[in-house]
């Protein structure tokens, strides 16, 4: 190893902070959060010599690029990158673990042979590693019901389609192992932990397969059928250890105690590997059937040991049950408890981090039913596929960016010419569901988190490239080892336009200059043909040609597409051709401002002046009572618009209780202009002055505390405030914290105000501006806008339109539940539980998630709306017309009757009582939504009333047609029970006005059923 002195993390921090050539907003800090678990925070959120000491800072990133890394001894900022010798493989010294041979197919002898470990050999470190785990279901019991002869080949096909680098299998029998060893794809690509002798699977057991050579294989045996199989994968930058457990289930009377022993053995194995490593925590992956559900003590044990659960990290809003007796008929056959559980897991520790995770094997097999007469599944478990990325990969030049196969840059024909293409593809293309018709331009492509950078480079490279015509008139094919791909030849007019386009794209993104066919061959794939003979292929293509009618279309845009898990590819961004050079900020912003003005969402000096006058009037009223008035929120930020309310808190002495203050204020004001809402979470006086509405909270100072600045009151006497008073003053402190964050760069303040107005107008139009309904409230949207604004690069700040694009690009791909926090102190917030799916942290301490009402369903709605907005903003920036921007703010059509919905309406004797009842419903509707979501088959989308006094709608959806029973309106059914529980809480409301009525109806088209009149 080079002995050259390596730059310290403190030195790198101060170089980034003070070097005028570097923009600190572009950097992130990677640090050891807990026992080797790496986390990142924005550079500006890091506090020097604060809670995170310098020795726990492991790397700095500039965008996706690692510029300094302690472990890898990378320092691109000072152009020093000493080489480090590969670490020797640690010797395994764990009680109970014994070595096993590794197996590899020998093509020369035509047999599987034992292979000795090769300790001196290491393969290059992959950019990503895909791990799959699957319990294949032995047939030792009830064999006559399981149709294993059909399930085994289906399982082998599924496993091949995962395209995994490492495969962990449980409940493998000798017969299944023989079938596995006979597969050509296994023989060609994989190392095995067991061979023809089936020594570890008698009667059944686990098997590991790996494309990366095994350096060693080990086992820990507990009983004849229970063991742990582990293997060492030798990589150039250090070993990766993989283990597959199959822990004892609760079917065994001593299952819990047996499982505790097995878990401790795994943790002891992990600790031993850590102790034998030379200086860093080992890279570990556990993949298998853990036989415990979420919240179990075993899960806590692995978390405390530093293991990260891939599913709960990446998809916290989804239960991810791998054992689902409700959907899987084999699980229903084998279950004892009937519970839906996430038994199969991928846990990682060290430098690898989960990047994507999904289930496979969820659909029943085609063909006849199982011997039971029900649908036949591959197994009683669903499989789990996880993509891992190494957390601190050195990306020196941009050309070394790791490419992925779930994104691409393509040319997609207009849908009006798809018909003949799709007719061929539906019959001959195995990837018909996965891909839309397309001409591939760059594939594989950069990860989605790099789309914004890639788009900017591509837009610049395509300046002056005009739209052109494409004709699809002739067929051709590529030959592969096992089959041939048939395709249509896209012929461009003018000639060579496609080749010239591709050359520009490669010049912009040279790392994507790859092709499986030896250079760029424009083609539109239509299917796969068997590789019987060249004559047969030529005959088939000639038959197609005779019936083909030439198609012609205009190529006017390129599409960035991506897919997640097993879902089809979808268009994420569109890049129009024929764009002129970037418009000046004024010209780019004019159409956006015109669209906002048409929505009354622009800045209004008259409206703000009216609110200021009303605030002054209310301040005088409060002073006469003995309290001081402190407005906050949008009014104080200067982002109020037409119809905006003013949020404020009044602070008075201990001798003036809240009820007395409210009574005195109501006497000050004209009759009928104010009312006191005593039973709200924060009691409010709702009032109107000069046409301006106020929500006024109140806090009384503790006994003996004089009048002082609210922040001083909070800091010195916050513990003495009652809960409602504390929350009210915190609302003011949050706004002041926001203003402080924005004041660091005064040039950004006006951009921020326009950004927030646009974001709020969009959120209102799309029905997602409501904390009460499980979406985001005003404070949350304001915090997101402030974060995007304060962290935006100068290029993103060049115009209002570019900043809005930066906002949607940032949060459409934000890695939730990573918190969004403005200050170093609140950046330490750690998500905890189902109420932290989308944490947006308030700036004032104590750190609080302002979006705790977001549920599984509303989280999905928010993500979908952000993705939609990102694409519409890109289109609007390209079109530069007010109408294109207006599409972004297109309201939801709430009048269109959904297929199924709950309609909540209220009745009361007086208008004041009606407002109180409607307020109760709005404040408690999330309780109903959470109960509804208890049925995993259901997803909900709540809508605010379409007009004042109208009913509140909760749209109900099921994921698949087979889940329609979830919409059954029967007594004791989950849907009806959830509604009845909600109605019961309404009846128990202590302050319910006399005669108030809540009606909940299930609406299907024009039909409805009331909750108190269930269908027979």
Foldseek 3Di string as FASTA:
>chain_A
DDPPDFDFQVVVLVCQVPVPVHDQLQKKWWFQPAQQQIDIDRSQLDDAVPPGDRVRTAFMARQPFTQQGNLQSHHNVVPDGDHDAAFFQFDQDAPQKDFAFKWAQDPVVRFIDTDAADRVDAAADAQKFKEKEEEQDDPPDPVQQAPLVVLLVVVLVQVVVLVGQKYKYWFAALVSQVVQVPDPVQNVAWMKRDGNVCCLQVRHGMMMIGSQDFNTKIKGDDDSHFIKIKTWGGHRNYIEIEIEGAAFAVVPVCRVVRLVVVLVSVLSSQVSSQVRTPDFRHKYKYWYFSRDAPPDVSVVVCVNNAKDWQCCQQPVQARQFQQAVVQAVQSVVPDDPNDGGNRTTMIIGHQKHWDAKDWPQRDFDPDADTPVRHTHTSHSTIMMMTMIGGNNDHDNDVLVANFDQFKFKWFAFPPVPCVVLLVLQVVAAPCSQAEHWTWGLFPRGHDLSCVVVLLVLLLVLQAPLAKWKWKFQAKDWADDDFWIWIWTAIAIPVGCSSVVSSVSSCVSRVSRQDDPPPHDGTTTTRHIGGPPDPVVVVVVRVVVNVPDDMDMGIRFWMFMWGDGDPHHIDTQAIRGHPFHPADAQVLLCVLVQVLCVVVQLDQDPVVLVLVVVQQVVVQVLLVVVAWGKAWFACSVLSLDTPPDAIEIEIEHAPVQDQVNSLVSSCVVDDPPFWDWDCPDPQTFIWGDDPNHIYTYGYWHQAPPDDDDDLVVSCVPPVVVIDPNNSVSSLRRVLRVLLVVLCVVDVVLSVLLSLLLSLVVLLCVQAQQAALLQLHAHRSLSSLLSSLLSSSPDVVCSSHSLSSNLSSLSPVLPPSPPQERERHSQLNPDDDDDQQSRHFYWRHDPPTDGRRSLHHSQNVVVVSVLSSVLNHLSSVCSRVSHSVSSNVSSNHDPPVPDAQKKKWKAKDDDDPVLRVSLVVVCSNCVSQLVVLLVVPVQWHWDWGDAPDPRGITIIDIDGPDPVSCCSLAQDPPRSNLVSVVVVVVVQVVPPPRDPPMDMWIWMDRPPDIDTSVGTDD
